[in-house]
Amino acid sequence: MPDTVFTDARVFNGFRHLGDVGDVLVRDGRVASVGGSLRTPSAEVVDCGGALLLPGFTDAHVHPVQGGLERLTCDLSGLPIDRAAYLAHVASYSDSRRDLDWVQGGGWAMAAFPDGLPTAAELDSVVADRPAALVNRDHHGIWVNSRALEVAGITRDTPDPADGRVERDASGEPTGVLHEGAMGLVLAVLPTATADELHAGLLEGQRHLLSLGITGWQDAIVGAYAGMQDTGPTYLRAARSGDLVASVVGALWWERDRGLEQVAELVEKRTAYSHGRFAATSVKIMQDGVAENGTAALVEPYLDRCGHTTTNTGLSFVDPVALRGIVGALDEAGFQVHVHGLGDRGVREALDALEGTEPLHRHQIAHLQLVHPADVPRFAELQVAANIQALWACFDDQMVDLTIPFLGEDRAARQYPFGDLHRAGARLVAGSDWPVSTPNPLEAIHVAVHRMAYGEPGRTGSEPFLPDQSLSLEVALAAYTSGSAWVCHRDDAGMVKPGAVADLVLLDRDPFDAPDEIGAARVERVWIGGEVVTP
């Protein structure tokens, strides 16, 4: 491999903005030196034109196979958040795919519908001849038509599962949305993706992530969940064939309705699936749900739409006492534990379970929409990484209509406390949760810095959301580069320094020159191990 010299680059080294440092030399797939004049006659020269050269982004919480499959099916994620736009797209897709027994896809936002709830009747208006099932963008609910309810045998007499809810009208009839564990009633009758379809989904997901400068990630669910087959064999196939070019950690799925007998099975999977660029070394536990449907676990109850206290405090999917034993057993087996903790009680239960575990395993809690003030310093004290999804920390329609009214002003005023966590010494890592939301790191970093979505009209872009919780551009970039590489146990990645692997990204500008335009920056070129990657 010939040397590569990057000239006229401004450099972010994974921790700090170095600005103009001179040349950056890459040799044998690693950064050889930073600074000075390093041009050699045989080197390939990349003129960066004063733009920013930085480490490849690492997405510490993402679902590329699901995201890729959605891009290949009825994908609503890129549409305006609008009921009519969704229905028109479903109609067009359904008409174009008469060969399919089911219409499947996802990516719709709850904010497009009154109270966040579309109906089977609406879906019937555009596809009535076949069952249709569309997962919402947070993957905690599914929208189905009447034919799907019929095929799944869901009626007014169908009981709600312990970990979910069938949305019903005043007379008890199902209306077309299934929340959390109730999704399984329909997912059980959906056609399953073939091995080739899962492989195609992974490659499409990888292509999309690479185009955004993401050179590594942690897949936050590798296992059978929400209608998805175990994607461990999919990663193993891609790693063995060389189709997997990114570096990936897989978080094996903890089945919450089973017990400690899973630990031995997960150890076997870790050995069976880990190969080449894929390491199945983490375990994912979903401790609670999401605030928009009232399933995030809260210390104090939700409010109703009129501001009155209810009896609902959300769901703890794993008994908190049992969780301590589970986490302890996984820690003893050498796994990293990756917990979905969104509500303040869910986060507290995760921290309680992680107390006393081995810091070298680099355990983490993801999402952190609500963290009780008393628990903020515990991340640093317990050496638990705070895995943030920064894109969500803004005044979007979902926040304004479906979250704040049900949390109340006081509790809503401490959401996504990134600034407090950073000031308290927490190690920040970052991810997107794609396909829940866009995987574009620069859009997420824009929100982390400004607490506003880039380029969004109206109330979503006109006012910062709790600006005292913002991060500096250096801190936000570090979370998405050196921080997330660290939590994936890649100690030689996420940095531009001698000896680091040359996973690099060149932007079309230096966002430090115009911080108000971070979200407008685009990825120009990507290198993995010093070799150019073409998504």
Protein backbone atom coordinates (compact mmCIF):
# COMPACT_ATOMS: atom_id res chain seq x y z
CA MET A 1 0.00 0.00 0.00
CA PRO A 2 1.58 3.32 -0.99
CA ASP A 3 1.88 6.14 1.53
CA THR A 4 -0.88 8.75 1.56
CA VAL A 5 -0.17 12.35 2.49
CA PHE A 6 -3.04 14.66 3.39
CA THR A 7 -2.10 18.26 2.71
CA ASP A 8 -3.81 21.54 3.56
CA ALA A 9 -5.99 19.76 6.12
CA ARG A 10 -7.38 21.14 9.31
CA VAL A 11 -7.45 18.31 11.83
CA PHE A 12 -9.73 17.18 14.64
CA ASN A 13 -7.74 14.44 16.33
CA GLY A 14 -10.60 12.73 18.18
CA PHE A 15 -10.31 15.02 21.21
CA ARG A 16 -9.34 18.52 20.11
CA HIS A 17 -9.46 20.74 17.07
CA LEU A 18 -5.83 21.16 16.06
CA GLY A 19 -6.50 23.46 13.11
CA ASP A 20 -3.74 23.73 10.54
CA VAL A 21 -1.01 21.27 11.50
CA GLY A 22 0.76 20.65 8.21
CA ASP A 23 0.69 17.25 6.54
CA VAL A 24 -0.79 13.99 7.86
CA LEU A 25 1.04 10.86 6.72
CA VAL A 26 -0.64 7.44 6.48
CA ARG A 27 1.59 4.39 6.05
CA ASP A 28 0.62 0.71 6.05
CA GLY A 29 -2.94 1.49 7.09
CA ARG A 30 -2.05 3.60 10.11
CA VAL A 31 -1.39 7.23 10.86
CA ALA A 32 2.39 7.60 10.80
CA SER A 33 2.74 11.27 11.71
CA VAL A 34 0.75 14.46 12.15
CA GLY A 35 2.35 17.81 11.38
CA GLY A 36 5.27 19.11 9.41
CA SER A 37 5.97 18.63 5.70
CA LEU A 38 5.81 14.94 4.87
CA ARG A 39 5.53 14.75 1.10
CA THR A 40 7.51 11.95 -0.52
CA PRO A 41 7.88 11.29 -4.26
CA SER A 42 5.95 8.00 -4.21
CA ALA A 43 3.13 9.08 -1.88
CA GLU A 44 -0.43 9.65 -3.02
CA VAL A 45 -1.28 13.25 -2.18
CA VAL A 46 -4.77 14.23 -1.04
CA ASP A 47 -5.29 18.00 -1.09
CA CYS A 48 -7.90 18.68 1.60
CA GLY A 49 -8.40 22.30 0.58
CA GLY A 50 -8.61 23.55 4.15
CA ALA A 51 -11.47 21.20 5.06
CA LEU A 52 -11.62 19.11 8.22
CA LEU A 53 -9.89 15.73 8.40
CA LEU A 54 -11.07 13.69 11.36
CA PRO A 55 -11.37 10.09 12.56
CA GLY A 56 -14.12 7.98 11.07
CA PHE A 57 -17.32 8.22 13.09
CA THR A 58 -18.34 5.27 15.25
CA ASP A 59 -22.07 4.83 15.87
CA ALA A 60 -22.34 3.25 19.31
CA HIS A 61 -26.03 2.32 19.03
CA VAL A 62 -27.50 1.46 15.63
CA HIS A 63 -29.49 -1.23 13.82
CA PRO A 64 -28.06 -1.45 10.27
CA VAL A 65 -29.77 -4.67 9.16
CA GLN A 66 -33.20 -3.34 10.09
CA GLY A 67 -32.34 0.05 8.60
CA GLY A 68 -31.12 -1.53 5.40
CA LEU A 69 -34.19 -3.74 5.09
CA GLU A 70 -36.48 -0.75 5.63
CA ARG A 71 -34.67 1.13 2.85
CA LEU A 72 -35.39 -1.85 0.60
CA THR A 73 -39.10 -2.07 1.53
CA CYS A 74 -41.81 0.54 2.18
CA ASP A 75 -39.57 3.18 3.73
CA LEU A 76 -41.38 6.15 5.28
CA SER A 77 -38.39 7.52 7.21
CA GLY A 78 -37.33 10.13 4.64
CA LEU A 79 -40.79 11.59 4.08
CA PRO A 80 -42.25 14.72 5.65
CA ILE A 81 -43.89 13.94 8.98
CA ASP A 82 -47.34 14.06 7.45
CA ARG A 83 -50.26 11.63 7.40
CA ALA A 84 -51.11 12.26 3.75
CA ALA A 85 -47.51 11.79 2.64
CA TYR A 86 -47.32 8.46 4.46
CA LEU A 87 -50.56 7.16 2.99
CA ALA A 88 -49.61 8.24 -0.53
CA HIS A 89 -46.27 6.46 -0.27
CA VAL A 90 -47.85 3.27 1.08
CA ALA A 91 -50.36 3.33 -1.78
CA SER A 92 -47.61 3.78 -4.36
CA TYR A 93 -45.44 1.05 -2.86
CA SER A 94 -48.37 -1.36 -2.56
CA ASP A 95 -49.37 -0.79 -6.18
CA SER A 96 -45.80 -1.36 -7.36
CA ARG A 97 -45.35 -4.61 -5.41
CA ARG A 98 -48.35 -6.74 -6.26
CA ASP A 99 -46.08 -9.76 -5.92
CA LEU A 100 -45.90 -9.43 -2.14
CA ASP A 101 -48.25 -11.26 0.21
CA TRP A 102 -47.69 -8.59 2.87
CA VAL A 103 -46.90 -4.90 2.65
CA GLN A 104 -44.08 -4.32 5.12
CA GLY A 105 -41.88 -1.38 6.04
CA GLY A 106 -41.62 1.34 8.60
CA GLY A 107 -40.30 4.73 9.60
CA TRP A 108 -43.51 6.65 10.39
CA ALA A 109 -43.49 9.24 13.16
CA MET A 110 -46.16 9.35 15.83
CA ALA A 111 -46.35 13.14 15.52
CA ALA A 112 -48.07 12.81 12.12
CA PHE A 113 -51.26 11.48 13.75
CA PRO A 114 -53.66 12.71 16.44
CA ASP A 115 -52.36 11.53 19.83
CA GLY A 116 -49.63 9.68 17.91
CA LEU A 117 -52.05 6.96 16.82
CA PRO A 118 -52.81 6.07 13.18
CA THR A 119 -55.67 3.68 12.55
CA ALA A 120 -56.27 0.48 10.66
CA ALA A 121 -59.04 2.26 8.76
CA GLU A 122 -56.55 4.80 7.41
CA LEU A 123 -54.26 2.04 6.23
CA ASP A 124 -57.24 0.16 4.76
CA SER A 125 -57.91 3.18 2.55
CA VAL A 126 -54.68 2.56 0.62
CA VAL A 127 -54.11 -1.19 1.03
CA ALA A 128 -57.06 -3.42 1.86
CA ASP A 129 -56.43 -6.48 -0.31
CA ARG A 130 -53.45 -7.72 1.71
CA PRO A 131 -52.23 -7.45 5.28
CA ALA A 132 -49.96 -4.47 5.94
CA ALA A 133 -47.64 -3.87 8.89
CA LEU A 134 -45.48 -0.77 9.31
CA VAL A 135 -43.18 -0.35 12.31
CA ASN A 136 -42.94 3.18 13.65
CA ARG A 137 -39.61 4.96 13.63
CA ASP A 138 -38.82 4.22 17.27
CA HIS A 139 -39.61 0.51 16.75
CA HIS A 140 -41.74 0.44 19.88
CA GLY A 141 -45.04 0.24 17.99
CA ILE A 142 -46.51 -1.13 14.77
CA TRP A 143 -49.35 0.17 12.56
CA VAL A 144 -51.45 -2.51 10.91
CA ASN A 145 -54.49 -2.67 8.67
CA SER A 146 -57.69 -4.63 9.28
CA ARG A 147 -56.49 -7.58 7.22
CA ALA A 148 -53.37 -7.88 9.38
CA LEU A 149 -55.46 -7.83 12.55
CA GLU A 150 -57.62 -10.57 11.06
CA VAL A 151 -54.67 -12.76 10.04
CA ALA A 152 -53.11 -12.35 13.48
CA GLY A 153 -56.40 -13.19 15.19
CA ILE A 154 -56.47 -9.94 17.16
CA THR A 155 -59.98 -9.08 18.37
CA ARG A 156 -61.63 -7.24 21.24
CA ASP A 157 -61.17 -10.43 23.29
CA THR A 158 -57.39 -10.56 22.80
CA PRO A 159 -55.72 -9.77 26.13
CA ASP A 160 -52.85 -7.32 26.36
CA PRO A 161 -49.51 -9.02 27.04
CA ALA A 162 -47.75 -8.09 30.27
CA ASP A 163 -45.14 -6.06 28.36
CA GLY A 164 -47.35 -4.27 25.85
CA ARG A 165 -50.72 -2.90 24.84
CA VAL A 166 -53.22 -3.22 21.98
CA GLU A 167 -54.63 0.22 21.20
CA ARG A 168 -58.45 0.08 21.38
CA ASP A 169 -61.46 2.33 20.89
CA ALA A 170 -64.07 3.09 23.54
CA SER A 171 -65.89 -0.15 22.79
CA GLY A 172 -62.74 -2.26 23.13
CA GLU A 173 -62.14 -2.91 19.43
CA PRO A 174 -58.49 -2.86 18.25
CA THR A 175 -57.83 0.33 16.29
CA GLY A 176 -54.62 -0.58 14.44
CA VAL A 177 -51.59 0.17 16.65
CA LEU A 178 -49.80 -2.36 18.84
CA HIS A 179 -47.31 -1.16 21.45
CA GLU A 180 -44.16 -2.87 22.77
CA GLY A 181 -44.70 -6.59 23.48
CA ALA A 182 -48.09 -6.53 21.77
CA MET A 183 -46.23 -6.09 18.48
CA GLY A 184 -45.38 -9.77 18.74
CA LEU A 185 -49.01 -10.70 18.03
CA VAL A 186 -48.53 -9.54 14.44
CA LEU A 187 -44.81 -10.15 14.10
CA ALA A 188 -45.48 -13.84 14.77
CA VAL A 189 -47.41 -14.14 11.49
CA LEU A 190 -45.25 -11.92 9.28
CA PRO A 191 -43.19 -13.58 6.56
CA THR A 192 -39.60 -13.98 7.75
CA ALA A 193 -36.72 -12.55 5.78
CA THR A 194 -34.49 -15.05 4.02
CA ALA A 195 -30.77 -15.28 4.70
CA ASP A 196 -30.12 -13.55 1.37
CA GLU A 197 -32.55 -10.75 2.24
CA LEU A 198 -30.86 -10.21 5.60
CA HIS A 199 -27.47 -10.12 3.88
CA ALA A 200 -28.78 -7.58 1.38
CA GLY A 201 -30.17 -5.52 4.26
CA LEU A 202 -26.81 -5.51 6.03
CA LEU A 203 -24.95 -4.45 2.89
CA GLU A 204 -27.45 -1.66 2.19
CA GLY A 205 -27.20 -0.53 5.81
CA GLN A 206 -23.40 -0.57 5.62
CA ARG A 207 -23.43 1.35 2.33
CA HIS A 208 -25.60 4.07 3.84
CA LEU A 209 -23.53 4.35 7.02
CA LEU A 210 -20.25 4.53 5.09
CA SER A 211 -21.65 7.31 2.94
CA LEU A 212 -22.06 9.32 6.16
CA GLY A 213 -18.50 8.69 7.32
CA ILE A 214 -19.38 5.93 9.82
CA THR A 215 -16.51 3.43 9.71
CA GLY A 216 -17.53 1.35 12.72
CA TRP A 217 -20.54 0.72 14.89
CA GLN A 218 -22.19 -1.29 17.62
CA ASP A 219 -25.28 -3.14 16.43
CA ALA A 220 -27.53 -2.73 19.45
CA ILE A 221 -29.61 -5.88 18.87
CA VAL A 222 -28.12 -9.06 17.43
CA GLY A 223 -30.77 -11.66 18.11
CA ALA A 224 -34.41 -12.53 17.53
CA TYR A 225 -36.43 -9.44 18.44
CA ALA A 226 -39.55 -7.67 17.14
CA GLY A 227 -39.94 -9.94 14.14
CA MET A 228 -36.25 -9.90 13.21
CA GLN A 229 -34.31 -13.13 13.03
CA ASP A 230 -30.98 -13.46 14.78
CA THR A 231 -28.58 -11.45 12.61
CA GLY A 232 -25.46 -13.04 14.09
CA PRO A 233 -25.23 -15.49 11.16
CA THR A 234 -25.71 -12.55 8.77
CA TYR A 235 -22.70 -10.74 10.22
CA LEU A 236 -20.66 -13.95 10.26
CA ARG A 237 -21.38 -14.51 6.56
CA ALA A 238 -20.39 -10.94 5.71
CA ALA A 239 -17.24 -11.09 7.83
CA ARG A 240 -16.11 -14.37 6.27
CA SER A 241 -16.80 -13.21 2.72
CA GLY A 242 -15.10 -9.85 3.16
CA ASP A 243 -18.36 -7.98 2.51
CA LEU A 244 -18.16 -6.43 5.98
CA VAL A 245 -15.65 -3.61 5.65
CA ALA A 246 -16.56 -1.65 8.78
CA SER A 247 -15.52 -2.74 12.28
CA VAL A 248 -18.56 -3.91 14.22
CA VAL A 249 -19.42 -4.98 17.75
CA GLY A 250 -22.62 -6.97 18.09
CA ALA A 251 -24.76 -6.61 21.21
CA LEU A 252 -26.40 -10.03 21.65
CA TRP A 253 -30.05 -9.81 22.63
CA TRP A 254 -31.14 -10.66 26.18
CA GLU A 255 -34.59 -12.31 26.08
CA ARG A 256 -36.44 -10.70 28.95
CA ASP A 257 -38.89 -13.59 29.40
CA ARG A 258 -36.05 -16.04 30.07
CA GLY A 259 -33.47 -16.36 32.82
CA LEU A 260 -29.81 -16.95 33.57
CA GLU A 261 -29.67 -20.07 31.43
CA GLN A 262 -29.11 -17.65 28.56
CA VAL A 263 -25.63 -16.70 29.75
CA ALA A 264 -24.05 -19.98 28.63
CA GLU A 265 -25.87 -19.69 25.28
CA LEU A 266 -24.57 -16.16 24.78
CA VAL A 267 -21.02 -17.30 25.54
CA GLU A 268 -21.41 -19.90 22.79
CA LYS A 269 -22.75 -17.28 20.38
CA ARG A 270 -19.87 -14.96 21.20
CA THR A 271 -17.46 -17.67 20.09
CA ALA A 272 -19.51 -18.78 17.08
CA TYR A 273 -20.25 -15.35 15.61
CA SER A 274 -17.02 -13.43 16.25
CA HIS A 275 -14.86 -13.39 13.14
CA GLY A 276 -12.68 -10.83 11.43
CA ARG A 277 -14.27 -7.39 11.67
CA PHE A 278 -17.22 -8.61 13.76
CA ALA A 279 -17.02 -9.18 17.53
CA ALA A 280 -20.10 -10.41 19.41
CA THR A 281 -18.82 -9.18 22.76
CA SER A 282 -21.69 -7.11 24.16
CA VAL A 283 -25.16 -7.99 25.46
CA LYS A 284 -28.18 -5.71 25.07
CA ILE A 285 -30.85 -5.50 27.77
CA MET A 286 -33.94 -3.39 27.15
CA GLN A 287 -34.97 -2.23 30.60
CA ASP A 288 -37.86 0.08 29.67
CA GLY A 289 -39.79 1.51 26.73
CA VAL A 290 -40.30 5.05 25.41
CA ALA A 291 -42.00 8.13 26.80
CA GLU A 292 -44.27 8.75 23.81
CA ASN A 293 -46.37 5.66 24.48
CA GLY A 294 -46.09 5.78 28.26
CA THR A 295 -43.77 2.78 28.65
CA ALA A 296 -40.51 4.50 29.69
CA ALA A 297 -40.01 3.65 33.36
CA LEU A 298 -40.44 6.76 35.56
CA VAL A 299 -39.80 7.45 39.22
CA GLU A 300 -43.06 9.45 39.42
CA PRO A 301 -46.21 8.73 37.37
CA TYR A 302 -47.04 10.18 33.97
CA LEU A 303 -49.61 12.94 33.68
CA ASP A 304 -52.71 12.78 31.51
CA ARG A 305 -53.38 15.32 28.76
CA CYS A 306 -55.07 17.61 31.28
CA GLY A 307 -52.03 17.61 33.57
CA HIS A 308 -53.47 15.30 36.21
CA THR A 309 -51.38 12.55 37.79
CA THR A 310 -52.12 9.04 36.54
CA THR A 311 -51.26 5.64 38.00
CA ASN A 312 -48.93 4.80 35.11
CA THR A 313 -45.19 4.81 35.87
CA GLY A 314 -44.17 2.90 32.74
CA LEU A 315 -42.69 -0.56 32.40
CA SER A 316 -39.60 -2.25 33.78
CA PHE A 317 -39.23 -5.08 31.30
CA VAL A 318 -36.79 -6.89 33.61
CA ASP A 319 -37.49 -7.07 37.33
CA PRO A 320 -34.94 -4.71 38.95
CA VAL A 321 -33.84 -7.31 41.49
CA ALA A 322 -33.40 -9.94 38.78
CA LEU A 323 -31.55 -7.38 36.67
CA ARG A 324 -28.76 -7.19 39.23
CA GLY A 325 -28.17 -10.91 39.04
CA ILE A 326 -28.31 -10.90 35.25
CA VAL A 327 -25.84 -8.04 34.91
CA GLY A 328 -23.52 -9.64 37.46
CA ALA A 329 -23.53 -12.95 35.58
CA LEU A 330 -22.85 -11.26 32.24
CA ASP A 331 -20.08 -9.18 33.76
CA GLU A 332 -18.49 -12.29 35.25
CA ALA A 333 -18.66 -13.95 31.81
CA GLY A 334 -16.67 -11.06 30.36
CA PHE A 335 -19.43 -9.33 28.42
CA GLN A 336 -19.98 -5.64 28.04
CA VAL A 337 -23.56 -4.84 29.13
CA HIS A 338 -25.46 -2.36 26.94
CA VAL A 339 -28.73 -1.25 28.58
CA HIS A 340 -31.64 0.63 27.02
CA GLY A 341 -32.52 3.09 29.79
CA LEU A 342 -34.78 5.96 28.77
CA GLY A 343 -36.87 6.94 31.79
CA ASP A 344 -35.36 8.06 35.09
CA ARG A 345 -36.42 4.89 36.89
CA GLY A 346 -35.14 2.72 34.04
CA VAL A 347 -31.78 4.51 34.16
CA ARG A 348 -31.62 4.17 37.94
CA GLU A 349 -32.39 0.45 37.78
CA ALA A 350 -29.61 0.01 35.23
CA LEU A 351 -27.10 1.96 37.34
CA ASP A 352 -28.06 -0.05 40.43
CA ALA A 353 -27.46 -3.27 38.52
CA LEU A 354 -24.09 -2.06 37.16
CA GLU A 355 -22.77 -1.04 40.57
CA GLY A 356 -19.74 -3.15 41.46
CA THR A 357 -19.14 -4.48 37.93
CA GLU A 358 -15.79 -4.50 36.14
CA PRO A 359 -15.04 -1.07 34.56
CA LEU A 360 -12.72 -2.70 32.01
CA HIS A 361 -15.79 -4.17 30.31
CA ARG A 362 -16.92 -0.63 29.45
CA HIS A 363 -20.61 -1.05 30.28
CA GLN A 364 -23.00 1.56 28.93
CA ILE A 365 -26.55 2.88 29.22
CA ALA A 366 -28.16 4.26 26.08
CA HIS A 367 -30.77 6.97 25.39
CA LEU A 368 -30.93 8.74 28.79
CA GLN A 369 -33.92 10.93 28.02
CA LEU A 370 -34.52 11.34 31.74
CA VAL A 371 -31.81 10.94 34.36
CA HIS A 372 -32.72 11.81 37.93
CA PRO A 373 -30.36 14.55 39.20
CA ALA A 374 -29.20 12.25 42.00
CA ASP A 375 -28.08 9.70 39.41
CA VAL A 376 -26.11 12.03 37.13
CA PRO A 377 -22.81 11.74 39.10
CA ARG A 378 -23.13 7.96 39.30
CA PHE A 379 -22.03 7.50 35.67
CA ALA A 380 -18.55 8.77 36.51
CA GLU A 381 -18.50 7.09 39.93
CA LEU A 382 -19.39 3.67 38.46
CA GLN A 383 -17.40 4.24 35.24
CA VAL A 384 -20.49 3.56 33.12
CA ALA A 385 -20.53 5.20 29.69
CA ALA A 386 -23.40 7.55 28.82
CA ASN A 387 -24.52 6.62 25.30
CA ILE A 388 -26.38 9.64 23.90
CA GLN A 389 -28.69 9.98 20.90
CA ALA A 390 -28.24 13.71 20.51
CA LEU A 391 -30.59 14.20 17.56
CA TRP A 392 -33.60 13.76 19.84
CA ALA A 393 -32.73 16.69 22.14
CA CYS A 394 -34.74 19.37 20.35
CA PHE A 395 -38.23 20.84 20.08
CA ASP A 396 -39.69 18.56 17.44
CA ASP A 397 -43.39 17.77 17.12
CA GLN A 398 -43.03 14.53 19.04
CA MET A 399 -41.40 16.32 21.96
CA VAL A 400 -43.96 19.15 22.01
CA ASP A 401 -47.12 17.10 21.47
CA LEU A 402 -46.41 13.63 22.82
CA THR A 403 -43.81 14.01 25.53
CA ILE A 404 -43.78 17.31 27.44
CA PRO A 405 -47.53 17.32 28.27
CA PHE A 406 -47.25 13.88 29.86
CA LEU A 407 -44.08 14.56 31.82
CA GLY A 408 -44.99 17.99 33.15
CA GLU A 409 -42.87 21.14 33.08
CA ASP A 410 -40.47 20.30 35.92
CA ARG A 411 -39.58 16.85 34.68
CA ALA A 412 -39.56 17.91 31.03
CA ALA A 413 -36.98 20.56 31.92
CA ARG A 414 -34.33 17.94 32.69
CA GLN A 415 -34.46 15.85 29.53
CA TYR A 416 -31.32 14.69 27.71
CA PRO A 417 -28.94 16.15 30.32
CA PHE A 418 -25.81 15.87 28.20
CA GLY A 419 -24.20 18.98 29.66
CA ASP A 420 -24.78 17.86 33.25
CA LEU A 421 -23.38 14.40 32.49
CA HIS A 422 -20.28 15.88 30.87
CA ARG A 423 -19.72 18.35 33.73
CA ALA A 424 -20.07 15.48 36.22
CA GLY A 425 -17.24 13.60 34.49
CA ALA A 426 -19.29 10.97 32.59
CA ARG A 427 -17.66 9.41 29.57
CA LEU A 428 -19.87 10.34 26.61
CA VAL A 429 -20.31 8.07 23.61
CA ALA A 430 -22.80 8.63 20.81
CA GLY A 431 -25.08 6.81 18.43
CA SER A 432 -28.11 7.33 16.24
CA ASP A 433 -30.45 4.37 16.91
CA TRP A 434 -31.05 4.32 13.14
CA PRO A 435 -33.58 3.49 11.70
CA VAL A 436 -35.32 5.23 14.61
CA SER A 437 -33.76 8.47 13.31
CA THR A 438 -31.22 9.50 10.69
CA PRO A 439 -27.73 8.05 11.21
CA ASN A 440 -26.08 11.28 9.99
CA PRO A 441 -23.59 12.14 12.77
CA LEU A 442 -23.25 15.77 11.68
CA GLU A 443 -26.97 16.41 12.08
CA ALA A 444 -26.86 14.85 15.55
CA ILE A 445 -23.76 16.83 16.51
CA HIS A 446 -25.50 20.03 15.36
CA VAL A 447 -28.30 19.30 17.85
CA ALA A 448 -25.84 18.42 20.61
CA VAL A 449 -24.18 21.81 20.19
CA HIS A 450 -27.24 23.99 19.53
CA ARG A 451 -30.12 21.91 20.99
CA MET A 452 -31.94 22.73 17.73
CA ALA A 453 -32.40 20.67 14.58
CA TYR A 454 -30.51 22.04 11.59
CA GLY A 455 -32.69 23.60 8.91
CA GLU A 456 -36.02 22.63 10.44
CA PRO A 457 -38.86 25.14 10.04
CA GLY A 458 -41.26 26.43 12.65
CA ARG A 459 -41.12 25.48 16.29
CA THR A 460 -38.64 22.63 15.67
CA GLY A 461 -35.94 25.07 14.67
CA SER A 462 -36.81 28.41 16.23
CA GLU A 463 -35.97 27.80 19.89
CA PRO A 464 -33.16 25.84 21.58
CA PHE A 465 -34.28 23.02 23.84
CA LEU A 466 -32.73 23.37 27.32
CA PRO A 467 -29.60 25.11 26.00
CA ASP A 468 -27.76 24.72 29.31
CA GLN A 469 -27.44 21.04 28.39
CA SER A 470 -25.57 21.73 25.15
CA LEU A 471 -22.07 20.42 24.43
CA SER A 472 -19.16 22.13 22.74
CA LEU A 473 -18.36 21.05 19.20
CA GLU A 474 -15.13 19.41 20.39
CA VAL A 475 -16.93 17.39 23.07
CA ALA A 476 -19.72 16.30 20.71
CA LEU A 477 -17.25 15.25 17.99
CA ALA A 478 -15.16 13.39 20.56
CA ALA A 479 -18.23 11.43 21.70
CA TYR A 480 -18.87 10.32 18.10
CA THR A 481 -15.22 9.44 17.39
CA SER A 482 -12.79 8.55 20.18
CA GLY A 483 -15.60 8.01 22.70
CA SER A 484 -17.64 5.56 20.66
CA ALA A 485 -14.50 3.79 19.39
CA TRP A 486 -13.46 3.35 23.03
CA VAL A 487 -16.79 1.84 24.07
CA CYS A 488 -16.40 -0.64 21.19
CA HIS A 489 -12.99 -1.62 22.63
CA ARG A 490 -11.12 -0.13 19.65
CA ASP A 491 -8.30 1.57 21.49
CA ASP A 492 -6.37 2.27 18.28
CA ALA A 493 -9.28 3.91 16.46
CA GLY A 494 -11.30 7.12 16.68
CA MET A 495 -8.13 9.23 16.68
CA VAL A 496 -5.75 10.97 14.31
CA LYS A 497 -2.42 10.38 15.98
CA PRO A 498 0.66 8.28 15.24
CA GLY A 499 -0.13 4.59 15.55
CA ALA A 500 -3.89 4.93 15.17
CA VAL A 501 -5.64 2.94 12.48
CA ALA A 502 -6.27 5.20 9.49
CA ASP A 503 -10.07 5.17 9.51
CA LEU A 504 -10.51 8.75 8.34
CA VAL A 505 -13.16 11.12 7.04
CA LEU A 506 -12.73 14.29 5.02
CA LEU A 507 -15.57 16.80 5.20
CA ASP A 508 -16.42 19.44 2.59
CA ARG A 509 -15.59 22.23 5.10
CA ASP A 510 -14.34 22.84 8.62
CA PRO A 511 -17.41 23.18 10.88
CA PHE A 512 -15.29 25.00 13.46
CA ASP A 513 -15.24 27.95 11.04
CA ALA A 514 -19.04 28.22 11.02
CA PRO A 515 -20.56 26.40 14.01
CA ASP A 516 -24.08 27.54 13.08
CA GLU A 517 -23.80 25.40 9.95
CA ILE A 518 -22.57 22.10 11.44
CA GLY A 519 -25.60 20.28 10.10
CA ALA A 520 -24.86 21.46 6.57
CA ALA A 521 -21.44 19.78 6.44
CA ARG A 522 -21.11 16.76 4.18
CA VAL A 523 -18.69 13.85 3.94
CA GLU A 524 -16.45 14.07 0.87
CA ARG A 525 -14.28 10.96 1.21
CA VAL A 526 -13.84 8.00 3.56
CA TRP A 527 -10.83 5.77 4.28
CA ILE A 528 -10.75 2.51 6.25
CA GLY A 529 -7.30 1.27 7.17
CA GLY A 530 -5.85 3.85 4.81
CA GLU A 531 -7.81 2.59 1.80
CA VAL A 532 -10.48 4.67 0.09
CA VAL A 533 -14.00 3.32 0.59
CA THR A 534 -16.63 3.88 -2.09
CA PRO A 535 -20.14 3.44 -0.57
